[in-house]
N, C-alpha and C. Protein backbone atom coordinates (compact mmCIF):
# COMPACT_ATOMS: atom_id res chain seq x y z
N MET A 1 0.36 -1.31 0.01
CA MET A 1 -0.46 -0.23 0.27
C MET A 1 1.10 1.39 -0.39
N PHE A 2 1.82 1.45 0.51
CA PHE A 2 3.00 2.27 0.30
C PHE A 2 3.79 2.46 -0.99
N ASP A 3 3.30 1.79 -2.12
CA ASP A 3 4.09 2.26 -2.79
C ASP A 3 2.86 2.89 -4.05
N GLU A 4 1.61 2.88 -3.42
CA GLU A 4 0.29 2.76 -4.03
C GLU A 4 -0.38 4.24 -4.06
N PRO A 5 0.00 4.46 -5.68
CA PRO A 5 0.02 6.36 -5.87
C PRO A 5 -1.28 6.63 -6.10
N ASP A 6 -2.59 5.72 -6.09
CA ASP A 6 -3.57 6.36 -6.26
C ASP A 6 -4.38 5.84 -5.92
N PRO A 7 -4.87 7.58 -4.46
CA PRO A 7 -5.46 7.90 -3.30
C PRO A 7 -6.46 6.51 -2.87
N GLY A 8 -7.35 5.94 -4.46
CA GLY A 8 -8.65 5.53 -4.10
C GLY A 8 -8.14 4.08 -3.44
N ARG A 9 -7.07 3.82 -4.91
CA ARG A 9 -6.62 2.47 -4.43
C ARG A 9 -5.95 2.06 -3.45
N ARG A 10 -5.15 3.20 -2.79
CA ARG A 10 -4.51 2.87 -1.59
C ARG A 10 -5.97 2.29 -0.43
N ASP A 11 -7.11 3.50 -0.27
CA ASP A 11 -7.82 3.07 0.63
C ASP A 11 -8.34 2.17 0.44
N THR A 12 -8.28 1.81 -0.46
CA THR A 12 -9.31 0.27 -1.07
C THR A 12 -8.11 -0.76 -0.43
N VAL A 13 -7.17 -0.45 -0.53
CA VAL A 13 -6.34 -1.74 -0.37
C VAL A 13 -5.86 -1.92 1.60
N ILE A 14 -6.00 -0.53 2.18
CA ILE A 14 -6.24 -0.69 3.55
C ILE A 14 -7.71 -1.07 4.02
N ALA A 15 -8.75 -0.52 3.52
CA ALA A 15 -9.50 -1.52 3.96
C ALA A 15 -9.68 -2.69 3.74
N GLU A 16 -9.31 -3.53 2.55
CA GLU A 16 -9.08 -4.71 2.70
C GLU A 16 -8.13 -5.40 3.64
N HIS A 17 -7.14 -4.99 4.11
CA HIS A 17 -6.16 -6.11 5.17
C HIS A 17 -6.04 -4.70 6.17
N TYR A 18 -6.62 -4.03 6.45
CA TYR A 18 -6.06 -3.53 7.76
C TYR A 18 -7.68 -3.40 8.45
N GLY A 19 -7.49 -3.71 9.60
CA GLY A 19 -8.82 -3.60 10.19
C GLY A 19 -9.28 -1.60 10.40
N GLU A 20 -10.71 -1.48 11.12
CA GLU A 20 -10.79 -0.58 10.95
C GLU A 20 -9.74 0.66 12.62
N ASP A 21 -10.03 0.04 13.16
CA ASP A 21 -9.35 -0.01 14.35
C ASP A 21 -7.77 -0.14 14.40
N VAL A 22 -7.27 -0.08 13.32
CA VAL A 22 -5.64 -0.20 13.39
C VAL A 22 -5.04 0.44 14.09
N VAL A 23 -4.07 0.27 15.07
CA VAL A 23 -2.85 1.74 15.20
C VAL A 23 -1.06 0.96 14.51
N TRP A 24 -1.31 1.78 14.45
CA TRP A 24 0.57 1.10 14.09
C TRP A 24 1.79 2.46 14.19
N HIS A 25 2.46 1.68 14.73
CA HIS A 25 3.42 2.55 15.87
C HIS A 25 4.80 2.49 14.64
N GLU A 26 5.06 4.09 14.66
CA GLU A 26 6.49 4.38 14.01
C GLU A 26 7.36 4.37 15.10
N PRO A 27 9.07 4.47 14.60
CA PRO A 27 9.56 5.04 15.56
C PRO A 27 9.19 6.41 16.29
N ASP A 28 8.35 7.46 15.44
CA ASP A 28 8.42 8.97 15.73
C ASP A 28 7.09 9.10 16.26
N ARG A 29 5.81 8.34 16.25
CA ARG A 29 4.66 8.49 15.92
C ARG A 29 3.56 7.35 16.13
N VAL A 30 2.07 7.74 16.98
CA VAL A 30 1.46 6.08 16.72
C VAL A 30 0.45 6.69 16.20
N ASN A 31 -0.17 6.32 14.71
CA ASN A 31 -1.09 6.45 14.30
C ASN A 31 -2.45 4.93 14.64
N HIS A 32 -3.38 5.70 14.62
CA HIS A 32 -5.24 5.39 15.42
C HIS A 32 -6.15 5.51 13.84
N GLY A 33 -6.59 4.29 13.56
CA GLY A 33 -7.28 4.03 12.46
C GLY A 33 -6.76 3.61 11.21
N ARG A 34 -8.07 3.64 10.84
CA ARG A 34 -7.53 3.56 8.78
C ARG A 34 -7.13 5.04 8.49
N THR A 35 -8.25 5.90 8.64
CA THR A 35 -7.97 7.57 8.25
C THR A 35 -6.48 7.57 8.87
N GLU A 36 -5.86 7.51 9.77
CA GLU A 36 -5.06 8.00 9.60
C GLU A 36 -3.56 7.64 9.09
N LEU A 37 -3.93 6.10 9.21
CA LEU A 37 -2.71 5.58 8.46
C LEU A 37 -3.00 5.84 7.14
N ALA A 38 -4.08 5.96 6.32
CA ALA A 38 -3.93 6.44 4.23
C ALA A 38 -3.22 7.92 4.67
N ARG A 39 -3.23 9.20 5.92
CA ARG A 39 -2.75 10.00 5.55
C ARG A 39 -1.53 9.89 5.83
N ARG A 40 -1.28 9.25 6.71
CA ARG A 40 0.84 9.42 7.15
C ARG A 40 1.39 8.54 5.57
N ALA A 41 0.40 7.30 5.17
CA ALA A 41 0.96 6.59 4.01
C ALA A 41 1.04 7.84 3.11
N ALA A 42 0.08 8.49 2.53
CA ALA A 42 -0.14 9.23 1.99
C ALA A 42 1.13 10.58 1.68
N GLU A 43 1.45 11.10 3.30
CA GLU A 43 2.21 11.82 3.55
C GLU A 43 3.80 11.16 3.08
N LEU A 44 4.57 10.09 3.30
CA LEU A 44 5.45 9.04 2.91
C LEU A 44 6.01 9.32 1.72
N ARG A 45 4.27 9.00 0.53
CA ARG A 45 4.54 9.11 -0.34
C ARG A 45 4.98 10.70 -0.99
N ALA A 46 4.32 11.64 -0.55
CA ALA A 46 4.94 12.58 -0.51
C ALA A 46 6.32 13.12 -0.58
N GLU A 47 6.63 12.70 0.29
CA GLU A 47 8.41 13.11 0.60
C GLU A 47 9.10 12.45 -0.62
N ASN A 48 8.87 11.39 -0.67
CA ASN A 48 9.61 10.50 -1.71
C ASN A 48 8.61 9.52 -2.76
N PRO A 49 8.44 10.91 -3.89
CA PRO A 49 6.94 9.44 -4.68
C PRO A 49 7.78 8.47 -5.39
N ASP A 50 9.37 8.82 -5.81
CA ASP A 50 9.90 8.27 -6.66
C ASP A 50 10.21 6.31 -5.56
N TRP A 51 10.68 6.77 -4.40
CA TRP A 51 11.20 5.54 -4.30
C TRP A 51 10.00 4.47 -4.06
N VAL A 52 10.41 3.36 -3.64
CA VAL A 52 10.22 2.38 -3.96
C VAL A 52 10.28 1.30 -2.17
N TYR A 53 9.04 0.56 -2.13
CA TYR A 53 8.64 -0.73 -0.91
C TYR A 53 9.44 -1.78 -0.99
N ARG A 54 10.52 -2.67 -1.42
CA ARG A 54 10.54 -4.01 -1.21
C ARG A 54 10.73 -4.44 -0.37
N PRO A 55 10.11 -6.23 -0.38
CA PRO A 55 10.13 -7.10 0.88
C PRO A 55 11.70 -7.03 1.08
N ALA A 56 12.31 -7.87 1.96
CA ALA A 56 13.70 -7.95 2.49
C ALA A 56 13.90 -9.20 2.85
N GLY A 57 13.87 -10.57 1.54
CA GLY A 57 13.31 -11.59 2.49
C GLY A 57 11.59 -12.20 2.17
N PRO A 58 11.49 -13.51 2.70
CA PRO A 58 10.06 -14.13 2.89
C PRO A 58 8.88 -13.64 4.25
N ALA A 59 8.27 -13.15 4.01
CA ALA A 59 7.48 -13.31 5.10
C ALA A 59 7.08 -14.64 6.08
N SER A 60 6.86 -13.96 7.23
CA SER A 60 7.16 -15.16 8.18
C SER A 60 5.76 -15.23 9.05
N GLY A 61 5.10 -16.26 9.78
CA GLY A 61 4.54 -15.93 10.94
C GLY A 61 4.16 -16.76 11.80
N LEU A 62 3.43 -17.14 12.83
CA LEU A 62 2.89 -18.01 14.09
C LEU A 62 2.03 -17.47 14.98
N ASP A 63 1.05 -18.09 14.37
CA ASP A 63 -0.54 -17.33 14.80
C ASP A 63 -0.54 -15.79 14.20
N ASP A 64 -0.89 -15.27 15.61
CA ASP A 64 -1.84 -14.06 15.28
C ASP A 64 -0.71 -12.80 14.92
N ILE A 65 0.55 -12.82 14.69
CA ILE A 65 1.99 -12.17 14.68
C ILE A 65 2.54 -12.60 12.92
N GLY A 66 2.51 -11.24 12.52
CA GLY A 66 3.25 -11.91 11.34
C GLY A 66 4.56 -10.59 11.49
N HIS A 67 5.23 -10.98 10.22
CA HIS A 67 7.29 -10.58 10.27
C HIS A 67 7.56 -10.12 8.72
N LEU A 68 7.88 -9.11 8.08
CA LEU A 68 8.78 -9.15 7.04
C LEU A 68 9.49 -7.51 6.88
N GLY A 69 10.96 -8.28 6.78
CA GLY A 69 12.07 -7.50 6.37
C GLY A 69 11.74 -6.35 5.20
N PHE A 70 11.71 -4.93 5.28
CA PHE A 70 11.37 -4.28 4.17
C PHE A 70 12.65 -3.50 3.69
N GLN A 71 12.95 -3.35 2.49
CA GLN A 71 13.94 -2.41 2.34
C GLN A 71 13.10 -0.90 1.81
N TYR A 72 13.76 0.66 1.33
CA TYR A 72 13.06 1.59 0.90
C TYR A 72 13.84 2.22 0.90
N GLY A 73 13.48 3.01 -0.89
CA GLY A 73 14.46 3.61 -1.03
C GLY A 73 14.28 4.19 -2.51
N PRO A 74 14.70 4.50 -3.30
CA PRO A 74 15.09 4.65 -5.16
C PRO A 74 15.12 3.50 -5.52
N PRO A 75 14.00 3.23 -6.28
CA PRO A 75 13.99 2.23 -7.67
C PRO A 75 15.14 1.51 -8.59
N ASP A 76 15.34 0.58 -9.09
CA ASP A 76 16.13 0.56 -10.54
C ASP A 76 17.38 -0.30 -9.75
N GLY A 77 17.62 -1.19 -8.63
CA GLY A 77 18.33 -1.43 -8.08
C GLY A 77 19.67 -0.59 -7.17
N ARG A 78 18.98 0.46 -7.07
CA ARG A 78 19.69 1.92 -6.21
C ARG A 78 19.69 1.28 -4.75
N PRO A 79 20.47 1.32 -3.79
CA PRO A 79 20.50 0.67 -2.62
C PRO A 79 19.26 1.67 -1.94
N PRO A 80 19.18 0.92 -1.08
CA PRO A 80 17.73 1.56 -0.66
C PRO A 80 18.54 2.48 0.92
N MET A 81 17.61 2.90 0.73
CA MET A 81 17.95 4.83 1.86
C MET A 81 17.57 4.28 3.46
N VAL A 82 16.55 3.01 3.22
CA VAL A 82 15.84 2.97 4.31
C VAL A 82 15.89 1.15 5.10
N SER A 83 15.88 0.56 5.36
CA SER A 83 15.97 -1.19 6.21
C SER A 83 15.12 -0.97 6.77
N GLY A 84 14.40 -1.96 7.58
CA GLY A 84 13.68 -2.41 8.77
C GLY A 84 12.49 -3.52 8.76
N MET A 85 11.60 -3.88 9.55
CA MET A 85 11.25 -5.05 9.99
C MET A 85 10.03 -4.28 9.61
N ASP A 86 8.66 -5.02 9.53
CA ASP A 86 7.14 -4.31 9.66
C ASP A 86 6.94 -5.61 11.09
N ILE A 87 6.10 -5.59 11.54
CA ILE A 87 5.92 -6.43 13.03
C ILE A 87 3.67 -7.05 12.93
N ALA A 88 3.61 -7.26 12.66
CA ALA A 88 2.43 -7.03 12.49
C ALA A 88 1.83 -8.32 13.34
N ARG A 89 0.63 -7.49 14.08
CA ARG A 89 -1.01 -8.56 14.52
C ARG A 89 -2.42 -8.68 13.73
N THR A 90 -2.61 -9.57 13.42
CA THR A 90 -3.87 -9.87 12.89
C THR A 90 -5.26 -10.38 13.74
N ARG A 91 -6.31 -9.66 13.50
CA ARG A 91 -7.26 -10.88 14.20
C ARG A 91 -8.24 -10.74 12.88
N HIS A 92 -9.14 -12.07 12.70
CA HIS A 92 -10.04 -12.47 11.43
C HIS A 92 -9.28 -11.99 10.18
N GLY A 93 -7.90 -12.28 9.52
CA GLY A 93 -6.90 -12.02 8.56
C GLY A 93 -7.15 -10.55 8.07
N VAL A 94 -7.50 -9.47 9.16
CA VAL A 94 -6.69 -7.95 9.33
C VAL A 94 -5.61 -7.69 10.10
N ILE A 95 -5.47 -6.75 9.26
CA ILE A 95 -4.33 -6.14 10.41
C ILE A 95 -4.68 -5.22 11.43
N ILE A 96 -4.11 -5.86 13.19
CA ILE A 96 -4.80 -4.91 14.08
C ILE A 96 -4.11 -3.83 14.05
N GLU A 97 -2.40 -4.78 14.49
CA GLU A 97 -1.62 -3.19 14.64
C GLU A 97 -0.29 -3.92 14.01
N LEU A 98 0.46 -2.65 13.72
CA LEU A 98 1.71 -2.66 13.11
C LEU A 98 2.79 -1.94 14.14
N TYR A 99 3.98 -2.26 13.89
CA TYR A 99 4.96 -2.25 14.24
C TYR A 99 5.85 -1.84 13.27
N THR A 100 6.51 -0.24 12.82
CA THR A 100 7.87 -0.42 12.25
C THR A 100 8.62 -0.17 12.27
N ILE A 101 9.79 -1.19 12.78
CA ILE A 101 11.41 -1.51 13.61
C ILE A 101 12.01 -0.58 12.35
N ILE A 102 13.10 0.37 12.11
CA ILE A 102 14.34 0.68 11.60
C ILE A 102 15.29 0.51 12.21
N THR A 103 15.54 -0.36 11.25
CA THR A 103 17.22 -0.71 11.63
C THR A 103 17.96 -0.16 11.03
N GLU A 104 17.84 0.29 9.64
CA GLU A 104 19.22 1.57 8.98
C GLU A 104 18.76 2.86 8.11
N ILE A 105 19.67 3.41 8.79
CA ILE A 105 18.93 4.57 7.52
C ILE A 105 20.26 5.45 7.16
N HIS A 106 20.23 5.50 5.57
CA HIS A 106 21.77 5.93 4.67
C HIS A 106 21.30 7.30 4.86
N GLN A 107 22.26 7.72 4.92
CA GLN A 107 22.03 9.33 3.96
C GLN A 107 22.41 9.64 2.56
N PRO A 108 21.64 10.24 1.87
CA PRO A 108 22.16 10.16 0.49
C PRO A 108 23.05 11.16 0.57
N SER A 109 23.83 10.65 -0.73
CA SER A 109 25.43 10.62 -0.96
C SER A 109 25.36 12.40 -2.29
């Protein structure tokens, strides 16, 4: 959903995969509900519109917890600017809580 440039399609993806009262924990803020999740995703997209979100390895999960490493940065094989992991808690097949943990930030050269 972070790579989706169209707000309507992004909202559809959010409605399909995130609970209405989802809580997203970022390193510097906590976002409550789908509306704040969509707003924040749009902000991140606007900051670096050409950057892409790439999985770093396979997703893994156990019971109601899932994990996916990620890289975020310029496209076309250039090195990522941000690396980290998302850890999600689900209920009834949708994400109800998301934790984004940043493990590396690279400064542009």
